Amino acid sequence: MKISVELTLMPLQDNYRNHIVNFITRLRNSSFHIEENALSTQVYGDYDEVMPFLNNELKQSFIESKAIIANMKIVKSDRSNYEPRF
């Protein structure tokens, strides 16, 4: 089953940038289709592969940070080719 995941990572500390860069770098080094914008990062792939990967990467980010928020939205389908029609 294909999924699309939108992630926003928000470290609650002064040196937040390094935590975000490290997280996105780990996502980029994966085999998944990754897209980024100024507010979030999207990950596209198979549910059974994406979810364990994200679980590990989010856990690593939580270990590396004193306080952090992760906001995640999951859609059941591959939305990587979505184009607005308006």
PDB file of N, CA and C in Angstrom:
ATOM      1  N   MET A   1       0.846  -1.164   0.000  1.00  0.00           N
ATOM      2  CA  MET A   1       0.000   0.000   0.000  1.00  0.00           C
ATOM      3  C   MET A   1       0.902   1.240   0.000  1.00  0.00           C
ATOM      4  N   LYS A   2       0.671   2.118  -0.948  1.00  0.00           N
ATOM      5  CA  LYS A   2       1.450   3.346  -1.064  1.00  0.00           C
ATOM      6  C   LYS A   2       0.893   4.419  -0.126  1.00  0.00           C
ATOM      7  N   ILE A   3       1.814   5.196   0.470  1.00  0.00           N
ATOM      8  CA  ILE A   3       1.402   6.299   1.337  1.00  0.00           C
ATOM      9  C   ILE A   3       2.212   7.551   1.022  1.00  0.00           C
ATOM     10  N   SER A   4       1.664   8.668   1.443  1.00  0.00           N
ATOM     11  CA  SER A   4       2.327   9.966   1.379  1.00  0.00           C
ATOM     12  C   SER A   4       2.327  10.504   2.808  1.00  0.00           C
ATOM     13  N   VAL A   5       3.501  10.935   3.276  1.00  0.00           N
ATOM     14  CA  VAL A   5       3.640  11.426   4.646  1.00  0.00           C
ATOM     15  C   VAL A   5       4.196  12.841   4.610  1.00  0.00           C
ATOM     16  N   GLU A   6       3.550  13.739   5.328  1.00  0.00           N
ATOM     17  CA  GLU A   6       4.065  15.100   5.483  1.00  0.00           C
ATOM     18  C   GLU A   6       4.563  15.245   6.912  1.00  0.00           C
ATOM     19  N   LEU A   7       5.824  15.687   7.051  1.00  0.00           N
ATOM     20  CA  LEU A   7       6.452  15.823   8.360  1.00  0.00           C
ATOM     21  C   LEU A   7       6.891  17.251   8.610  1.00  0.00           C
ATOM     22  N   THR A   8       6.658  17.702   9.824  1.00  0.00           N
ATOM     23  CA  THR A   8       7.209  18.973  10.288  1.00  0.00           C
ATOM     24  C   THR A   8       7.865  18.697  11.630  1.00  0.00           C
ATOM     25  N   LEU A   9       9.160  18.990  11.718  1.00  0.00           N
ATOM     26  CA  LEU A   9       9.916  18.784  12.949  1.00  0.00           C
ATOM     27  C   LEU A   9      10.190  20.139  13.581  1.00  0.00           C
ATOM     28  N   MET A  10       9.868  20.279  14.857  1.00  0.00           N
ATOM     29  CA  MET A  10      10.011  21.568  15.540  1.00  0.00           C
ATOM     30  C   MET A  10      10.758  21.404  16.857  1.00  0.00           C
ATOM     31  N   PRO A  11      12.092  21.500  16.834  1.00  0.00           N
ATOM     32  CA  PRO A  11      12.849  21.462  18.088  1.00  0.00           C
ATOM     33  C   PRO A  11      12.556  22.721  18.912  1.00  0.00           C
ATOM     34  N   LEU A  12      12.364  22.557  20.190  1.00  0.00           N
ATOM     35  CA  LEU A  12      12.014  23.666  21.080  1.00  0.00           C
ATOM     36  C   LEU A  12      13.242  24.090  21.877  1.00  0.00           C
ATOM     37  N   GLN A  13      14.254  24.543  21.160  1.00  0.00           N
ATOM     38  CA  GLN A  13      15.487  24.989  21.798  1.00  0.00           C
ATOM     39  C   GLN A  13      16.209  25.955  20.878  1.00  0.00           C
ATOM     40  N   ASP A  14      17.200  26.630  21.409  1.00  0.00           N
ATOM     41  CA  ASP A  14      17.895  27.677  20.652  1.00  0.00           C
ATOM     42  C   ASP A  14      18.620  27.150  19.418  1.00  0.00           C
ATOM     43  N   ASN A  15      19.322  26.051  19.529  1.00  0.00           N
ATOM     44  CA  ASN A  15      20.081  25.520  18.390  1.00  0.00           C
ATOM     45  C   ASN A  15      19.250  24.530  17.572  1.00  0.00           C
ATOM     46  N   TYR A  16      18.068  24.954  17.204  1.00  0.00           N
ATOM     47  CA  TYR A  16      17.113  24.092  16.503  1.00  0.00           C
ATOM     48  C   TYR A  16      17.556  23.712  15.090  1.00  0.00           C
ATOM     49  N   ARG A  17      18.286  24.605  14.412  1.00  0.00           N
ATOM     50  CA  ARG A  17      18.623  24.389  13.000  1.00  0.00           C
ATOM     51  C   ARG A  17      19.375  23.071  12.776  1.00  0.00           C
ATOM     52  N   ASN A  18      20.360  22.783  13.612  1.00  0.00           N
ATOM     53  CA  ASN A  18      21.142  21.556  13.442  1.00  0.00           C
ATOM     54  C   ASN A  18      20.275  20.308  13.522  1.00  0.00           C
ATOM     55  N   HIS A  19      19.300  20.308  14.410  1.00  0.00           N
ATOM     56  CA  HIS A  19      18.421  19.148  14.543  1.00  0.00           C
ATOM     57  C   HIS A  19      17.590  18.943  13.269  1.00  0.00           C
ATOM     58  N   ILE A  20      17.101  20.028  12.707  1.00  0.00           N
ATOM     59  CA  ILE A  20      16.301  19.934  11.479  1.00  0.00           C
ATOM     60  C   ILE A  20      17.166  19.474  10.309  1.00  0.00           C
ATOM     61  N   VAL A  21      18.345  20.049  10.178  1.00  0.00           N
ATOM     62  CA  VAL A  21      19.255  19.674   9.088  1.00  0.00           C
ATOM     63  C   VAL A  21      19.643  18.200   9.196  1.00  0.00           C
ATOM     64  N   ASN A  22      19.954  17.749  10.394  1.00  0.00           N
ATOM     65  CA  ASN A  22      20.315  16.335  10.571  1.00  0.00           C
ATOM     66  C   ASN A  22      19.161  15.411  10.193  1.00  0.00           C
ATOM     67  N   PHE A  23      17.961  15.766  10.597  1.00  0.00           N
ATOM     68  CA  PHE A  23      16.791  14.950  10.290  1.00  0.00           C
ATOM     69  C   PHE A  23      16.546  14.891   8.780  1.00  0.00           C
ATOM     70  N   ILE A  24      16.547  16.035   8.130  1.00  0.00           N
ATOM     71  CA  ILE A  24      16.297  16.065   6.678  1.00  0.00           C
ATOM     72  C   ILE A  24      17.415  15.349   5.921  1.00  0.00           C
ATOM     73  N   THR A  25      18.640  15.478   6.375  1.00  0.00           N
ATOM     74  CA  THR A  25      19.755  14.781   5.724  1.00  0.00           C
ATOM     75  C   THR A  25      19.558  13.275   5.795  1.00  0.00           C
ATOM     76  N   ARG A  26      19.123  12.775   6.941  1.00  0.00           N
ATOM     77  CA  ARG A  26      18.870  11.331   7.054  1.00  0.00           C
ATOM     78  C   ARG A  26      17.732  10.901   6.128  1.00  0.00           C
ATOM     79  N   LEU A  27      16.701  11.734   6.002  1.00  0.00           N
ATOM     80  CA  LEU A  27      15.612  11.415   5.075  1.00  0.00           C
ATOM     81  C   LEU A  27      16.126  11.395   3.639  1.00  0.00           C
ATOM     82  N   ARG A  28      16.915  12.395   3.269  1.00  0.00           N
ATOM     83  CA  ARG A  28      17.459  12.463   1.909  1.00  0.00           C
ATOM     84  C   ARG A  28      18.311  11.245   1.572  1.00  0.00           C
ATOM     85  N   ASN A  29      18.994  10.689   2.558  1.00  0.00           N
ATOM     86  CA  ASN A  29      19.871   9.538   2.313  1.00  0.00           C
ATOM     87  C   ASN A  29      19.120   8.219   2.234  1.00  0.00           C
ATOM     88  N   SER A  30      17.809   8.262   2.373  1.00  0.00           N
ATOM     89  CA  SER A  30      17.008   7.042   2.273  1.00  0.00           C
ATOM     90  C   SER A  30      16.725   6.723   0.800  1.00  0.00           C
ATOM     91  N   SER A  31      16.080   5.604   0.591  1.00  0.00           N
ATOM     92  CA  SER A  31      15.703   5.195  -0.771  1.00  0.00           C
ATOM     93  C   SER A  31      14.324   5.720  -1.173  1.00  0.00           C
ATOM     94  N   PHE A  32      13.687   6.489  -0.293  1.00  0.00           N
ATOM     95  CA  PHE A  32      12.335   6.972  -0.560  1.00  0.00           C
ATOM     96  C   PHE A  32      12.341   8.255  -1.382  1.00  0.00           C
ATOM     97  N   HIS A  33      11.231   8.501  -2.044  1.00  0.00           N
ATOM     98  CA  HIS A  33      11.029   9.762  -2.762  1.00  0.00           C
ATOM     99  C   HIS A  33      10.756  10.823  -1.702  1.00  0.00           C
ATOM    100  N   ILE A  34      11.615  11.843  -1.662  1.00  0.00           N
ATOM    101  CA  ILE A  34      11.529  12.913  -0.665  1.00  0.00           C
ATOM    102  C   ILE A  34      11.340  14.238  -1.388  1.00  0.00           C
ATOM    103  N   GLU A  35      10.413  15.045  -0.900  1.00  0.00           N
ATOM    104  CA  GLU A  35      10.242  16.417  -1.406  1.00  0.00           C
ATOM    105  C   GLU A  35      10.222  17.347  -0.202  1.00  0.00           C
ATOM    106  N   GLU A  36      10.778  18.531  -0.398  1.00  0.00           N
ATOM    107  CA  GLU A  36      10.865  19.495   0.698  1.00  0.00           C
ATOM    108  C   GLU A  36      10.299  20.835   0.265  1.00  0.00           C
ATOM    109  N   ASN A  37       9.785  21.552   1.243  1.00  0.00           N
ATOM    110  CA  ASN A  37       9.445  22.963   1.047  1.00  0.00           C
ATOM    111  C   ASN A  37       9.814  23.689   2.335  1.00  0.00           C
ATOM    112  N   ALA A  38       9.519  24.949   2.410  1.00  0.00           N
ATOM    113  CA  ALA A  38       9.938  25.744   3.565  1.00  0.00           C
ATOM    114  C   ALA A  38       9.257  25.341   4.873  1.00  0.00           C
ATOM    115  N   LEU A  39       8.134  24.654   4.800  1.00  0.00           N
ATOM    116  CA  LEU A  39       7.373  24.335   6.007  1.00  0.00           C
ATOM    117  C   LEU A  39       7.360  22.870   6.398  1.00  0.00           C
ATOM    118  N   SER A  40       7.631  21.978   5.432  1.00  0.00           N
ATOM    119  CA  SER A  40       7.554  20.554   5.745  1.00  0.00           C
ATOM    120  C   SER A  40       8.359  19.727   4.747  1.00  0.00           C
ATOM    121  N   THR A  41       8.440  18.452   5.051  1.00  0.00           N
ATOM    122  CA  THR A  41       9.102  17.486   4.178  1.00  0.00           C
ATOM    123  C   THR A  41       8.107  16.371   3.910  1.00  0.00           C
ATOM    124  N   GLN A  42       8.038  15.917   2.660  1.00  0.00           N
ATOM    125  CA  GLN A  42       7.137  14.839   2.288  1.00  0.00           C
ATOM    126  C   GLN A  42       7.956  13.589   1.949  1.00  0.00           C
ATOM    127  N   VAL A  43       7.433  12.443   2.387  1.00  0.00           N
ATOM    128  CA  VAL A  43       8.055  11.149   2.124  1.00  0.00           C
ATOM    129  C   VAL A  43       7.002  10.284   1.446  1.00  0.00           C
ATOM    130  N   TYR A  44       7.388   9.645   0.341  1.00  0.00           N
ATOM    131  CA  TYR A  44       6.462   8.808  -0.426  1.00  0.00           C
ATOM    132  C   TYR A  44       7.042   7.404  -0.547  1.00  0.00           C
ATOM    133  N   GLY A  45       6.203   6.401  -0.363  1.00  0.00           N
ATOM    134  CA  GLY A  45       6.665   5.027  -0.503  1.00  0.00           C
ATOM    135  C   GLY A  45       5.645   4.039   0.002  1.00  0.00           C
ATOM    136  N   ASP A  46       6.110   2.809   0.183  1.00  0.00           N
ATOM    137  CA  ASP A  46       5.265   1.726   0.656  1.00  0.00           C
ATOM    138  C   ASP A  46       5.126   1.800   2.188  1.00  0.00           C
ATOM    139  N   TYR A  47       3.909   1.655   2.670  1.00  0.00           N
ATOM    140  CA  TYR A  47       3.617   1.776   4.100  1.00  0.00           C
ATOM    141  C   TYR A  47       4.558   0.928   4.964  1.00  0.00           C
ATOM    142  N   ASP A  48       4.704  -0.345   4.609  1.00  0.00           N
ATOM    143  CA  ASP A  48       5.499  -1.270   5.427  1.00  0.00           C
ATOM    144  C   ASP A  48       6.988  -0.937   5.425  1.00  0.00           C
ATOM    145  N   GLU A  49       7.435  -0.099   4.519  1.00  0.00           N
ATOM    146  CA  GLU A  49       8.831   0.328   4.491  1.00  0.00           C
ATOM    147  C   GLU A  49       9.003   1.732   5.094  1.00  0.00           C
ATOM    148  N   VAL A  50       8.084   2.629   4.766  1.00  0.00           N
ATOM    149  CA  VAL A  50       8.194   4.017   5.226  1.00  0.00           C
ATOM    150  C   VAL A  50       8.004   4.130   6.736  1.00  0.00           C
ATOM    151  N   MET A  51       6.997   3.481   7.284  1.00  0.00           N
ATOM    152  CA  MET A  51       6.670   3.684   8.695  1.00  0.00           C
ATOM    153  C   MET A  51       7.766   3.211   9.651  1.00  0.00           C
ATOM    154  N   PRO A  52       8.370   2.027   9.462  1.00  0.00           N
ATOM    155  CA  PRO A  52       9.482   1.663  10.353  1.00  0.00           C
ATOM    156  C   PRO A  52      10.677   2.615  10.205  1.00  0.00           C
ATOM    157  N   PHE A  53      10.942   3.052   8.989  1.00  0.00           N
ATOM    158  CA  PHE A  53      12.022   4.012   8.751  1.00  0.00           C
ATOM    159  C   PHE A  53      11.760   5.314   9.509  1.00  0.00           C
ATOM    160  N   LEU A  54      10.550   5.868   9.375  1.00  0.00           N
ATOM    161  CA  LEU A  54      10.224   7.115  10.061  1.00  0.00           C
ATOM    162  C   LEU A  54      10.235   6.932  11.577  1.00  0.00           C
ATOM    163  N   ASN A  55       9.774   5.805  12.045  1.00  0.00           N
ATOM    164  CA  ASN A  55       9.809   5.528  13.482  1.00  0.00           C
ATOM    165  C   ASN A  55      11.247   5.616  14.004  1.00  0.00           C
ATOM    166  N   ASN A  56      12.183   5.011  13.299  1.00  0.00           N
ATOM    167  CA  ASN A  56      13.587   5.051  13.714  1.00  0.00           C
ATOM    168  C   ASN A  56      14.159   6.461  13.647  1.00  0.00           C
ATOM    169  N   GLU A  57      13.868   7.179  12.568  1.00  0.00           N
ATOM    170  CA  GLU A  57      14.429   8.523  12.403  1.00  0.00           C
ATOM    171  C   GLU A  57      13.828   9.519  13.392  1.00  0.00           C
ATOM    172  N   LEU A  58      12.544   9.408  13.658  1.00  0.00           N
ATOM    173  CA  LEU A  58      11.935  10.283  14.656  1.00  0.00           C
ATOM    174  C   LEU A  58      12.469   9.970  16.056  1.00  0.00           C
ATOM    175  N   LYS A  59      12.644   8.704  16.355  1.00  0.00           N
ATOM    176  CA  LYS A  59      13.211   8.323  17.644  1.00  0.00           C
ATOM    177  C   LYS A  59      14.609   8.906  17.802  1.00  0.00           C
ATOM    178  N   GLN A  60      15.423   8.829  16.748  1.00  0.00           N
ATOM    179  CA  GLN A  60      16.770   9.398  16.791  1.00  0.00           C
ATOM    180  C   GLN A  60      16.717  10.901  17.048  1.00  0.00           C
ATOM    181  N   SER A  61      15.802  11.580  16.390  1.00  0.00           N
ATOM    182  CA  SER A  61      15.640  13.025  16.603  1.00  0.00           C
ATOM    183  C   SER A  61      15.202  13.330  18.028  1.00  0.00           C
ATOM    184  N   PHE A  62      14.343  12.498  18.589  1.00  0.00           N
ATOM    185  CA  PHE A  62      13.890  12.701  19.963  1.00  0.00           C
ATOM    186  C   PHE A  62      15.042  12.478  20.945  1.00  0.00           C
ATOM    187  N   ILE A  63      15.891  11.502  20.664  1.00  0.00           N
ATOM    188  CA  ILE A  63      17.051  11.232  21.518  1.00  0.00           C
ATOM    189  C   ILE A  63      18.023  12.407  21.482  1.00  0.00           C
ATOM    190  N   GLU A  64      18.219  13.004  20.310  1.00  0.00           N
ATOM    191  CA  GLU A  64      19.201  14.072  20.124  1.00  0.00           C
ATOM    192  C   GLU A  64      18.732  15.435  20.626  1.00  0.00           C
ATOM    193  N   SER A  65      17.475  15.597  20.912  1.00  0.00           N
ATOM    194  CA  SER A  65      16.929  16.894  21.288  1.00  0.00           C
ATOM    195  C   SER A  65      16.349  16.858  22.702  1.00  0.00           C
ATOM    196  N   LYS A  66      16.448  17.974  23.413  1.00  0.00           N
ATOM    197  CA  LYS A  66      15.872  18.056  24.758  1.00  0.00           C
ATOM    198  C   LYS A  66      14.355  18.144  24.716  1.00  0.00           C
ATOM    199  N   ALA A  67      13.842  18.922  23.759  1.00  0.00           N
ATOM    200  CA  ALA A  67      12.396  19.093  23.607  1.00  0.00           C
ATOM    201  C   ALA A  67      12.097  19.271  22.125  1.00  0.00           C
ATOM    202  N   ILE A  68      11.141  18.525  21.634  1.00  0.00           N
ATOM    203  CA  ILE A  68      10.876  18.543  20.191  1.00  0.00           C
ATOM    204  C   ILE A  68       9.429  18.134  19.917  1.00  0.00           C
ATOM    205  N   ILE A  69       8.878  18.705  18.864  1.00  0.00           N
ATOM    206  CA  ILE A  69       7.538  18.336  18.395  1.00  0.00           C
ATOM    207  C   ILE A  69       7.673  17.783  16.989  1.00  0.00           C
ATOM    208  N   ALA A  70       6.970  16.717  16.699  1.00  0.00           N
ATOM    209  CA  ALA A  70       6.899  16.173  15.345  1.00  0.00           C
ATOM    210  C   ALA A  70       5.426  16.136  14.949  1.00  0.00           C
ATOM    211  N   ASN A  71       5.126  16.774  13.845  1.00  0.00           N
ATOM    212  CA  ASN A  71       3.771  16.789  13.320  1.00  0.00           C
ATOM    213  C   ASN A  71       3.780  15.947  12.038  1.00  0.00           C
ATOM    214  N   MET A  72       2.888  14.962  11.948  1.00  0.00           N
ATOM    215  CA  MET A  72       2.894  14.057  10.814  1.00  0.00           C
ATOM    216  C   MET A  72       1.474  13.855  10.289  1.00  0.00           C
ATOM    217  N   LYS A  73       1.337  13.933   8.967  1.00  0.00           N
ATOM    218  CA  LYS A  73       0.074  13.618   8.297  1.00  0.00           C
ATOM    219  C   LYS A  73       0.356  12.469   7.336  1.00  0.00           C
ATOM    220  N   ILE A  74      -0.556  11.504   7.288  1.00  0.00           N
ATOM    221  CA  ILE A  74      -0.385  10.333   6.424  1.00  0.00           C
ATOM    222  C   ILE A  74      -1.612  10.214   5.534  1.00  0.00           C
ATOM    223  N   VAL A  75      -1.364  10.063   4.239  1.00  0.00           N
ATOM    224  CA  VAL A  75      -2.438   9.874   3.268  1.00  0.00           C
ATOM    225  C   VAL A  75      -2.246   8.505   2.618  1.00  0.00           C
ATOM    226  N   LYS A  76      -3.312   7.760   2.485  1.00  0.00           N
ATOM    227  CA  LYS A  76      -3.243   6.460   1.834  1.00  0.00           C
ATOM    228  C   LYS A  76      -3.306   6.661   0.321  1.00  0.00           C
ATOM    229  N   SER A  77      -2.166   6.873  -0.283  1.00  0.00           N
ATOM    230  CA  SER A  77      -1.967   6.949  -1.733  1.00  0.00           C
ATOM    231  C   SER A  77      -0.663   7.673  -1.981  1.00  0.00           C
ATOM    232  N   ASP A  78      -0.136   7.514  -3.148  1.00  0.00           N
ATOM    233  CA  ASP A  78       1.077   8.230  -3.541  1.00  0.00           C
ATOM    234  C   ASP A  78       0.647   9.543  -4.175  1.00  0.00           C
ATOM    235  N   ARG A  79       0.840  10.642  -3.473  1.00  0.00           N
ATOM    236  CA  ARG A  79       0.429  11.973  -3.943  1.00  0.00           C
ATOM    237  C   ARG A  79       1.605  12.759  -4.511  1.00  0.00           C
ATOM    238  N   SER A  80       2.701  12.089  -4.828  1.00  0.00           N
ATOM    239  CA  SER A  80       3.905  12.790  -5.277  1.00  0.00           C
ATOM    240  C   SER A  80       3.713  13.502  -6.615  1.00  0.00           C
ATOM    241  N   ASN A  81       2.766  13.075  -7.397  1.00  0.00           N
ATOM    242  CA  ASN A  81       2.526  13.719  -8.704  1.00  0.00           C
ATOM    243  C   ASN A  81       1.338  14.684  -8.671  1.00  0.00           C
ATOM    244  N   TYR A  82       0.872  15.038  -7.489  1.00  0.00           N
ATOM    245  CA  TYR A  82      -0.281  15.916  -7.368  1.00  0.00           C
ATOM    246  C   TYR A  82       0.004  17.295  -7.964  1.00  0.00           C
ATOM    247  N   GLU A  83      -0.937  17.770  -8.745  1.00  0.00           N
ATOM    248  CA  GLU A  83      -0.877  19.132  -9.286  1.00  0.00           C
ATOM    249  C   GLU A  83      -2.250  19.763  -9.100  1.00  0.00           C
ATOM    250  N   PRO A  84      -2.288  20.947  -8.497  1.00  0.00           N
ATOM    251  CA  PRO A  84      -3.581  21.612  -8.299  1.00  0.00           C
ATOM    252  C   PRO A  84      -4.262  21.876  -9.645  1.00  0.00           C
ATOM    253  N   ARG A  85      -5.551  21.762  -9.663  1.00  0.00           N
ATOM    254  CA  ARG A  85      -6.321  21.970 -10.895  1.00  0.00           C
ATOM    255  C   ARG A  85      -7.270  23.145 -10.753  1.00  0.00           C
ATOM    256  N   PHE A  86      -6.757  24.242 -10.257  1.00  0.00           N
ATOM    257  CA  PHE A  86      -7.584  25.448 -10.122  1.00  0.00           C
ATOM    258  C   PHE A  86      -6.783  26.650 -10.491  1.00  0.00           C
TER     259      PHE A  86
END
